[in-house]
Structure formats: structure tokens, C-alpha cells
Amino acid sequence: MQGRVNSVQSLGAVDGPGLRYIVFLQGCPLRCKYCHNPETWDRLGGELRTAEELCKTILRYRPYFGETGGVTVSGGEPLLQPEFVAELFSLLHEYGVHTALDTAGAGDLSRAEAVLRHTDLVLCDVKFPTEEGYRAHCGGSLGHTLDFMRLTERMGVPLWVRHVVAPGLTDTPASMRAVRDLCGGFSNLEKIEWLPFKNICASKYENLGIPFPMAGKPAFSQKHIDMLLAAL
């Protein structure tokens, strides 16, 4: 099974528990205004790699991520390549490696179940707390993301919700409260990660020759996020 891989990060520390080997897959159906990986949008980009080859490469780094870390597959949207992710995670499980799926839940849910059978943790990106927000600012569907989260709940896969706090879009206590209330009822939810908007991706848009919708917007600090959380 081959998949289109955009890039890898051998020692990531923010995409799941412990140190992680991060695989960024190619292709995404969304166009989030604050997207920091626009180079992954093109479904035909990236490098073709087999799941077996990638697994062998990852295992070389096991002394670094060890028993407390593992592998996270991100994107792009990894559920656009569910068979590849399922095979990779299945191979990693044969070696006892912890697997995490970083997704917006934007793929075909009928094919997502096979991935979740070999997934130890889901990091689900909830973009906005309303359908209107999804349509206006990322082109996706809140309902579809919630359906995916319900699938993780039915299958008993631990869930972390991730939400980018972006200036002018999601940076009010009311918006953040709506996200918290929307996700808080899931029995498999372990935590919500509030991610501050960063604008360091602006150069990627410039290199690709496409406009950055958040150009000129200020980056947020963790202190600013903590201030907003205190008002919830």
C-alpha cells in the first residue's frame, strides 16, 4: 500500500503524548483561513511511499520516542488516505508502537473505521463551533466532524480535541465556551487543547504564490489564551 507523504518530523513534542515521529500526509479538502500547512493541500503532491518502508524508517527512531511516545499521522487530512494509514498503524502495532491520528474528521467515515481499529489516540481538530463558521472559514462541515467524533466514541478510542484560537475568528470567550460545551459531552474526551494562532506560516503562502487570509493578524501567546480561558 502506497501513500502520498508530504514530509516527516522525527522528534515532535506537541502532537500527542511524549516524543512523536510525525508523518504529514498529502491532500486536504478544507481551506481553513489560518491553515499552517498549505503545501499539503494538493492531493497529487508529495512523495509516494509504502507503509512497510515508512514503518521500517520509523522504527529506527524508536530509541528516541520509546514507550512514552509514538507515531502521529497528520496532514493535510490523513483520512483522505485511510487504507494507507490503516496499514501503517497496523504494522506499527505489531511492534507495540503507540499510534495517534491528527485529523479534522473530514474524510469518508465509512473508511475511517478501519483506521480507528489501529488507532490509540485521536487528535480531532474542531475548527469552529457552528456550521456557519465552517462554511465561511474552512469549507467543511461541523456535522461531519461531530459524526466522526461519535464514531471514535462508539469504538472507544481516546479523544483529544484541538482548537485553534484565531484573531477575529475564534478568539472570544463565547466562541471558546461554545467549543467546550459542544465537545464536553463525549465520554471518550480526555482533554481540549487550545492552540494559539501563529503567523510563521506566511512565508509558505508567499512561496506558493497564494494569498494568506490571515496576513497581518497578530500571533497569540499562551498567556493570551490563558486570559481568555479564565473568562469562560
C-alpha atoms as a PDB file:
ATOM      1  CA  MET A   1       0.000   0.000   0.000  1.00  0.00           C
ATOM      2  CA  GLN A   2       1.405   3.363  -1.083  1.00  0.00           C
ATOM      3  CA  GLY A   3       0.580   6.758   0.321  1.00  0.00           C
ATOM      4  CA  ARG A   4       1.488  10.314  -0.588  1.00  0.00           C
ATOM      5  CA  VAL A   5       3.708  11.767   2.136  1.00  0.00           C
ATOM      6  CA  ASN A   6       4.442  15.483   2.264  1.00  0.00           C
ATOM      7  CA  SER A   7       7.079  15.413   4.999  1.00  0.00           C
ATOM      8  CA  VAL A   8       8.072  13.890   8.314  1.00  0.00           C
ATOM      9  CA  GLN A   9       9.260  15.254  11.631  1.00  0.00           C
ATOM     10  CA  SER A  10      11.400  12.810  13.535  1.00  0.00           C
ATOM     11  CA  LEU A  11      11.008  14.255  17.039  1.00  0.00           C
ATOM     12  CA  GLY A  12       7.809  16.227  17.577  1.00  0.00           C
ATOM     13  CA  ALA A  13       6.713  17.201  21.076  1.00  0.00           C
ATOM     14  CA  VAL A  14       3.244  18.745  20.598  1.00  0.00           C
ATOM     15  CA  ASP A  15       1.204  16.198  18.620  1.00  0.00           C
ATOM     16  CA  GLY A  16       0.300  13.623  21.209  1.00  0.00           C
ATOM     17  CA  PRO A  17       1.899  12.190  24.354  1.00  0.00           C
ATOM     18  CA  GLY A  18       5.679  12.068  24.683  1.00  0.00           C
ATOM     19  CA  LEU A  19       8.049  12.491  21.773  1.00  0.00           C
ATOM     20  CA  ARG A  20       6.454  11.622  18.428  1.00  0.00           C
ATOM     21  CA  TYR A  21       7.525  10.718  14.920  1.00  0.00           C
ATOM     22  CA  ILE A  22       5.126  12.847  12.831  1.00  0.00           C
ATOM     23  CA  VAL A  23       4.056  11.891   9.315  1.00  0.00           C
ATOM     24  CA  PHE A  24       2.386  14.688   7.328  1.00  0.00           C
ATOM     25  CA  LEU A  25       0.287  13.230   4.528  1.00  0.00           C
ATOM     26  CA  GLN A  26      -0.625  14.978   1.308  1.00  0.00           C
ATOM     27  CA  GLY A  27      -4.103  16.231   0.433  1.00  0.00           C
ATOM     28  CA  CYS A  28      -6.812  18.173   2.252  1.00  0.00           C
ATOM     29  CA  PRO A  29     -10.405  19.038   1.260  1.00  0.00           C
ATOM     30  CA  LEU A  30     -10.535  22.020   3.654  1.00  0.00           C
ATOM     31  CA  ARG A  31      -9.222  25.539   3.171  1.00  0.00           C
ATOM     32  CA  CYS A  32      -9.026  26.906   6.695  1.00  0.00           C
ATOM     33  CA  LYS A  33      -8.207  30.603   6.769  1.00  0.00           C
ATOM     34  CA  TYR A  34      -5.494  30.012   9.376  1.00  0.00           C
ATOM     35  CA  CYS A  35      -4.063  26.804   7.832  1.00  0.00           C
ATOM     36  CA  HIS A  36      -0.351  26.481   8.577  1.00  0.00           C
ATOM     37  CA  ASN A  37       0.317  23.648   6.080  1.00  0.00           C
ATOM     38  CA  PRO A  38      -0.935  24.910   2.681  1.00  0.00           C
ATOM     39  CA  GLU A  39       1.775  22.860   0.961  1.00  0.00           C
ATOM     40  CA  THR A  40      -0.251  19.752   1.850  1.00  0.00           C
ATOM     41  CA  TRP A  41      -3.444  20.772   0.021  1.00  0.00           C
ATOM     42  CA  ASP A  42      -2.645  19.242  -3.374  1.00  0.00           C
ATOM     43  CA  ARG A  43      -3.733  15.592  -3.339  1.00  0.00           C
ATOM     44  CA  LEU A  44      -1.243  14.727  -6.079  1.00  0.00           C
ATOM     45  CA  GLY A  45       1.770  16.285  -4.396  1.00  0.00           C
ATOM     46  CA  GLY A  46       4.240  14.741  -2.013  1.00  0.00           C
ATOM     47  CA  GLU A  47       6.283  11.566  -2.321  1.00  0.00           C
ATOM     48  CA  LEU A  48       4.870   8.078  -2.819  1.00  0.00           C
ATOM     49  CA  ARG A  49       5.974   5.726  -0.045  1.00  0.00           C
ATOM     50  CA  THR A  50       4.848   2.275   1.025  1.00  0.00           C
ATOM     51  CA  ALA A  51       3.520   1.667   4.517  1.00  0.00           C
ATOM     52  CA  GLU A  52       6.096  -1.074   5.060  1.00  0.00           C
ATOM     53  CA  GLU A  53       9.006   1.145   4.015  1.00  0.00           C
ATOM     54  CA  LEU A  54       7.791   4.001   6.211  1.00  0.00           C
ATOM     55  CA  CYS A  55       7.318   1.665   9.177  1.00  0.00           C
ATOM     56  CA  LYS A  56      10.920   0.443   8.866  1.00  0.00           C
ATOM     57  CA  THR A  57      12.158   4.034   8.798  1.00  0.00           C
ATOM     58  CA  ILE A  58      10.086   4.963  11.850  1.00  0.00           C
ATOM     59  CA  LEU A  59      11.368   2.024  13.890  1.00  0.00           C
ATOM     60  CA  ARG A  60      14.911   3.383  13.614  1.00  0.00           C
ATOM     61  CA  TYR A  61      13.755   6.269  15.816  1.00  0.00           C
ATOM     62  CA  ARG A  62      12.172   4.089  18.474  1.00  0.00           C
ATOM     63  CA  PRO A  63      15.117   4.592  20.881  1.00  0.00           C
ATOM     64  CA  TYR A  64      14.150   8.285  20.922  1.00  0.00           C
ATOM     65  CA  PHE A  65      10.345   8.147  21.301  1.00  0.00           C
ATOM     66  CA  GLY A  66      10.429   4.914  23.312  1.00  0.00           C
ATOM     67  CA  GLU A  67       7.481   3.633  25.318  1.00  0.00           C
ATOM     68  CA  THR A  68       6.099   7.047  26.303  1.00  0.00           C
ATOM     69  CA  GLY A  69       5.905   8.461  22.765  1.00  0.00           C
ATOM     70  CA  GLY A  70       4.949   7.038  19.401  1.00  0.00           C
ATOM     71  CA  VAL A  71       3.822   7.973  15.918  1.00  0.00           C
ATOM     72  CA  THR A  72       1.307  10.615  14.844  1.00  0.00           C
ATOM     73  CA  VAL A  73      -0.092  10.774  11.319  1.00  0.00           C
ATOM     74  CA  SER A  74      -1.230  14.268  10.391  1.00  0.00           C
ATOM     75  CA  GLY A  75      -1.651  16.278   7.209  1.00  0.00           C
ATOM     76  CA  GLY A  76      -3.296  17.607   5.271  1.00  0.00           C
ATOM     77  CA  GLU A  77      -6.168  15.321   6.105  1.00  0.00           C
ATOM     78  CA  PRO A  78      -4.981  11.750   6.768  1.00  0.00           C
ATOM     79  CA  LEU A  79      -8.485  10.315   6.320  1.00  0.00           C
ATOM     80  CA  LEU A  80      -8.151  11.032   2.583  1.00  0.00           C
ATOM     81  CA  GLN A  81      -5.710   8.092   2.575  1.00  0.00           C
ATOM     82  CA  PRO A  82      -7.405   5.739   5.063  1.00  0.00           C
ATOM     83  CA  GLU A  83      -6.137   2.437   3.660  1.00  0.00           C
ATOM     84  CA  PHE A  84      -2.544   3.629   3.831  1.00  0.00           C
ATOM     85  CA  VAL A  85      -2.923   4.917   7.393  1.00  0.00           C
ATOM     86  CA  ALA A  86      -4.687   1.725   8.493  1.00  0.00           C
ATOM     87  CA  GLU A  87      -1.883  -0.430   7.118  1.00  0.00           C
ATOM     88  CA  LEU A  88       0.838   1.753   8.634  1.00  0.00           C
ATOM     89  CA  PHE A  89      -0.837   1.764  12.056  1.00  0.00           C
ATOM     90  CA  SER A  90      -1.414  -1.994  11.875  1.00  0.00           C
ATOM     91  CA  LEU A  91       2.291  -2.571  11.170  1.00  0.00           C
ATOM     92  CA  LEU A  92       3.298  -0.241  13.997  1.00  0.00           C
ATOM     93  CA  HIS A  93       1.001  -2.067  16.405  1.00  0.00           C
ATOM     94  CA  GLU A  94       2.835  -5.298  15.614  1.00  0.00           C
ATOM     95  CA  TYR A  95       5.840  -3.636  17.261  1.00  0.00           C
ATOM     96  CA  GLY A  96       3.854  -2.163  20.139  1.00  0.00           C
ATOM     97  CA  VAL A  97       4.174   1.438  18.917  1.00  0.00           C
ATOM     98  CA  HIS A  98       1.562   3.940  20.132  1.00  0.00           C
ATOM     99  CA  THR A  99      -0.406   5.470  17.232  1.00  0.00           C
ATOM    100  CA  ALA A 100      -2.196   8.824  17.073  1.00  0.00           C
ATOM    101  CA  LEU A 101      -4.353  10.250  14.291  1.00  0.00           C
ATOM    102  CA  ASP A 102      -4.385  14.050  13.888  1.00  0.00           C
ATOM    103  CA  THR A 103      -7.457  14.769  11.784  1.00  0.00           C
ATOM    104  CA  ALA A 104     -10.322  17.166  11.151  1.00  0.00           C
ATOM    105  CA  GLY A 105     -12.582  14.160  10.622  1.00  0.00           C
ATOM    106  CA  ALA A 106     -13.088  15.356   7.052  1.00  0.00           C
ATOM    107  CA  GLY A 107     -12.707  12.039   5.224  1.00  0.00           C
ATOM    108  CA  ASP A 108     -15.097   9.249   4.238  1.00  0.00           C
ATOM    109  CA  LEU A 109     -16.399   7.929   7.557  1.00  0.00           C
ATOM    110  CA  SER A 110     -17.247   4.550   6.030  1.00  0.00           C
ATOM    111  CA  ARG A 111     -13.494   4.074   5.526  1.00  0.00           C
ATOM    112  CA  ALA A 112     -12.416   5.679   8.799  1.00  0.00           C
ATOM    113  CA  GLU A 113     -13.424   2.727  10.972  1.00  0.00           C
ATOM    114  CA  ALA A 114     -10.588   0.586   9.599  1.00  0.00           C
ATOM    115  CA  VAL A 115      -8.124   3.298  10.633  1.00  0.00           C
ATOM    116  CA  LEU A 116      -9.578   3.648  14.122  1.00  0.00           C
ATOM    117  CA  ARG A 117      -9.208  -0.081  14.782  1.00  0.00           C
ATOM    118  CA  HIS A 118      -5.448   0.512  14.897  1.00  0.00           C
ATOM    119  CA  THR A 119      -5.532   3.998  16.472  1.00  0.00           C
ATOM    120  CA  ASP A 120      -4.620   4.515  20.131  1.00  0.00           C
ATOM    121  CA  LEU A 121      -5.490   8.222  20.249  1.00  0.00           C
ATOM    122  CA  VAL A 122      -7.405  10.653  18.061  1.00  0.00           C
ATOM    123  CA  LEU A 123      -6.469  14.333  17.962  1.00  0.00           C
ATOM    124  CA  CYS A 124      -9.544  15.887  16.366  1.00  0.00           C
ATOM    125  CA  ASP A 125      -9.339  19.451  15.082  1.00  0.00           C
ATOM    126  CA  VAL A 126     -12.640  21.200  15.731  1.00  0.00           C
ATOM    127  CA  LYS A 127     -12.404  24.309  13.596  1.00  0.00           C
ATOM    128  CA  PHE A 128     -15.482  26.324  14.607  1.00  0.00           C
ATOM    129  CA  PRO A 129     -18.450  25.782  16.945  1.00  0.00           C
ATOM    130  CA  THR A 130     -21.057  26.447  14.219  1.00  0.00           C
ATOM    131  CA  GLU A 131     -21.896  25.248  10.721  1.00  0.00           C
ATOM    132  CA  GLU A 132     -21.807  28.872   9.590  1.00  0.00           C
ATOM    133  CA  GLY A 133     -18.235  29.214  10.787  1.00  0.00           C
ATOM    134  CA  TYR A 134     -17.197  26.049   8.986  1.00  0.00           C
ATOM    135  CA  ARG A 135     -18.809  27.122   5.713  1.00  0.00           C
ATOM    136  CA  ALA A 136     -17.427  30.657   5.830  1.00  0.00           C
ATOM    137  CA  HIS A 137     -13.894  30.000   7.019  1.00  0.00           C
ATOM    138  CA  CYS A 138     -12.825  26.464   6.085  1.00  0.00           C
ATOM    139  CA  GLY A 139     -15.320  24.963   3.655  1.00  0.00           C
ATOM    140  CA  GLY A 140     -16.054  21.937   5.823  1.00  0.00           C
ATOM    141  CA  SER A 141     -18.927  20.698   7.958  1.00  0.00           C
ATOM    142  CA  LEU A 142     -19.235  20.744  11.726  1.00  0.00           C
ATOM    143  CA  GLY A 143     -21.836  17.984  11.495  1.00  0.00           C
ATOM    144  CA  HIS A 144     -19.412  15.735   9.640  1.00  0.00           C
ATOM    145  CA  THR A 145     -16.698  16.340  12.241  1.00  0.00           C
ATOM    146  CA  LEU A 146     -19.154  15.553  15.051  1.00  0.00           C
ATOM    147  CA  ASP A 147     -20.176  12.350  13.247  1.00  0.00           C
ATOM    148  CA  PHE A 148     -16.520  11.333  13.186  1.00  0.00           C
ATOM    149  CA  MET A 149     -16.168  12.113  16.889  1.00  0.00           C
ATOM    150  CA  ARG A 150     -19.223   9.956  17.600  1.00  0.00           C
ATOM    151  CA  LEU A 151     -17.529   7.139  15.692  1.00  0.00           C
ATOM    152  CA  THR A 152     -14.458   7.430  17.928  1.00  0.00           C
ATOM    153  CA  GLU A 153     -16.769   7.320  20.944  1.00  0.00           C
ATOM    154  CA  ARG A 154     -18.571   4.189  19.730  1.00  0.00           C
ATOM    155  CA  MET A 155     -15.232   2.490  19.098  1.00  0.00           C
ATOM    156  CA  GLY A 156     -13.802   3.560  22.449  1.00  0.00           C
ATOM    157  CA  VAL A 157     -10.818   5.449  21.021  1.00  0.00           C
ATOM    158  CA  PRO A 158      -9.457   8.111  23.412  1.00  0.00           C
ATOM    159  CA  LEU A 159     -10.079  11.629  22.098  1.00  0.00           C
ATOM    160  CA  TRP A 160      -8.241  14.922  22.398  1.00  0.00           C
ATOM    161  CA  VAL A 161      -9.995  17.892  20.820  1.00  0.00           C
ATOM    162  CA  ARG A 162      -7.761  20.588  19.348  1.00  0.00           C
ATOM    163  CA  HIS A 163      -8.997  24.079  18.578  1.00  0.00           C
ATOM    164  CA  VAL A 164      -7.046  26.973  17.085  1.00  0.00           C
ATOM    165  CA  VAL A 165      -7.815  30.287  18.761  1.00  0.00           C
ATOM    166  CA  ALA A 166      -7.505  32.712  15.837  1.00  0.00           C
ATOM    167  CA  PRO A 167      -7.837  36.530  15.887  1.00  0.00           C
ATOM    168  CA  GLY A 168     -11.159  37.776  14.608  1.00  0.00           C
ATOM    169  CA  LEU A 169     -12.486  34.230  14.155  1.00  0.00           C
ATOM    170  CA  THR A 170     -12.479  32.215  17.370  1.00  0.00           C
ATOM    171  CA  ASP A 171     -10.832  34.473  19.950  1.00  0.00           C
ATOM    172  CA  THR A 172     -13.763  35.288  22.212  1.00  0.00           C
ATOM    173  CA  PRO A 173     -14.791  33.594  25.453  1.00  0.00           C
ATOM    174  CA  ALA A 174     -18.231  32.977  23.917  1.00  0.00           C
ATOM    175  CA  SER A 175     -16.765  31.117  20.949  1.00  0.00           C
ATOM    176  CA  MET A 176     -14.419  29.083  23.133  1.00  0.00           C
ATOM    177  CA  ARG A 177     -17.244  28.302  25.562  1.00  0.00           C
ATOM    178  CA  ALA A 178     -19.326  27.017  22.644  1.00  0.00           C
ATOM    179  CA  VAL A 179     -16.486  24.681  21.602  1.00  0.00           C
ATOM    180  CA  ARG A 180     -16.115  23.438  25.171  1.00  0.00           C
ATOM    181  CA  ASP A 181     -19.852  22.807  25.529  1.00  0.00           C
ATOM    182  CA  LEU A 182     -20.044  21.140  22.119  1.00  0.00           C
ATOM    183  CA  CYS A 183     -17.269  18.649  22.879  1.00  0.00           C
ATOM    184  CA  GLY A 184     -17.610  18.194  26.623  1.00  0.00           C
ATOM    185  CA  GLY A 185     -20.323  15.546  26.394  1.00  0.00           C
ATOM    186  CA  PHE A 186     -18.201  12.944  24.621  1.00  0.00           C
ATOM    187  CA  SER A 187     -17.457  10.100  27.016  1.00  0.00           C
ATOM    188  CA  ASN A 188     -14.059   9.390  25.405  1.00  0.00           C
ATOM    189  CA  LEU A 189     -12.867  13.020  25.605  1.00  0.00           C
ATOM    190  CA  GLU A 190      -9.686  13.310  27.654  1.00  0.00           C
ATOM    191  CA  LYS A 191      -8.906  16.990  27.131  1.00  0.00           C
ATOM    192  CA  ILE A 192      -9.269  20.048  24.911  1.00  0.00           C
ATOM    193  CA  GLU A 193      -6.079  21.652  23.599  1.00  0.00           C
ATOM    194  CA  TRP A 194      -6.427  25.381  22.897  1.00  0.00           C
ATOM    195  CA  LEU A 195      -3.835  26.234  20.244  1.00  0.00           C
ATOM    196  CA  PRO A 196      -2.746  29.867  19.832  1.00  0.00           C
ATOM    197  CA  PHE A 197      -2.711  31.205  16.275  1.00  0.00           C
ATOM    198  CA  LYS A 198       0.773  31.583  14.798  1.00  0.00           C
ATOM    199  CA  ASN A 199       1.634  33.527  11.642  1.00  0.00           C
ATOM    200  CA  ILE A 200       5.011  31.921  10.923  1.00  0.00           C
ATOM    201  CA  CYS A 201       3.383  30.080   8.008  1.00  0.00           C
ATOM    202  CA  ALA A 202       3.037  33.320   5.994  1.00  0.00           C
ATOM    203  CA  SER A 203       6.228  32.591   4.061  1.00  0.00           C
ATOM    204  CA  LYS A 204       4.757  29.279   2.855  1.00  0.00           C
ATOM    205  CA  TYR A 205       1.868  31.121   1.209  1.00  0.00           C
ATOM    206  CA  GLU A 206       4.268  33.588  -0.363  1.00  0.00           C
ATOM    207  CA  ASN A 207       6.413  30.767  -1.763  1.00  0.00           C
ATOM    208  CA  LEU A 208       3.322  29.049  -3.165  1.00  0.00           C
ATOM    209  CA  GLY A 209       2.073  32.283  -4.704  1.00  0.00           C
ATOM    210  CA  ILE A 210      -1.269  32.238  -2.913  1.00  0.00           C
ATOM    211  CA  PRO A 211      -2.717  34.880  -0.569  1.00  0.00           C
ATOM    212  CA  PHE A 212      -2.652  34.254   3.168  1.00  0.00           C
ATOM    213  CA  PRO A 213      -6.126  35.150   4.519  1.00  0.00           C
ATOM    214  CA  MET A 214      -4.695  35.932   7.965  1.00  0.00           C
ATOM    215  CA  ALA A 215      -1.898  38.182   6.730  1.00  0.00           C
ATOM    216  CA  GLY A 216      -1.217  40.967   9.173  1.00  0.00           C
ATOM    217  CA  LYS A 217      -3.056  39.289  12.036  1.00  0.00           C
ATOM    218  CA  PRO A 218      -1.134  39.113  15.326  1.00  0.00           C
ATOM    219  CA  ALA A 219       0.193  35.829  16.659  1.00  0.00           C
ATOM    220  CA  PHE A 220      -1.232  34.790  20.012  1.00  0.00           C
ATOM    221  CA  SER A 221       0.767  33.829  23.071  1.00  0.00           C
ATOM    222  CA  GLN A 222      -0.162  31.162  25.589  1.00  0.00           C
ATOM    223  CA  LYS A 223      -0.655  33.972  28.106  1.00  0.00           C
ATOM    224  CA  HIS A 224      -3.369  35.436  25.885  1.00  0.00           C
ATOM    225  CA  ILE A 225      -5.075  32.034  25.617  1.00  0.00           C
ATOM    226  CA  ASP A 226      -4.945  31.631  29.400  1.00  0.00           C
ATOM    227  CA  MET A 227      -6.571  35.056  29.788  1.00  0.00           C
ATOM    228  CA  LEU A 228      -9.446  34.011  27.500  1.00  0.00           C
ATOM    229  CA  LEU A 229      -9.842  30.701  29.320  1.00  0.00           C
ATOM    230  CA  ALA A 230     -10.085  32.496  32.637  1.00  0.00           C
ATOM    231  CA  ALA A 231     -13.151  34.325  31.287  1.00  0.00           C
ATOM    232  CA  LEU A 232     -15.045  31.137  30.363  1.00  0.00           C
END
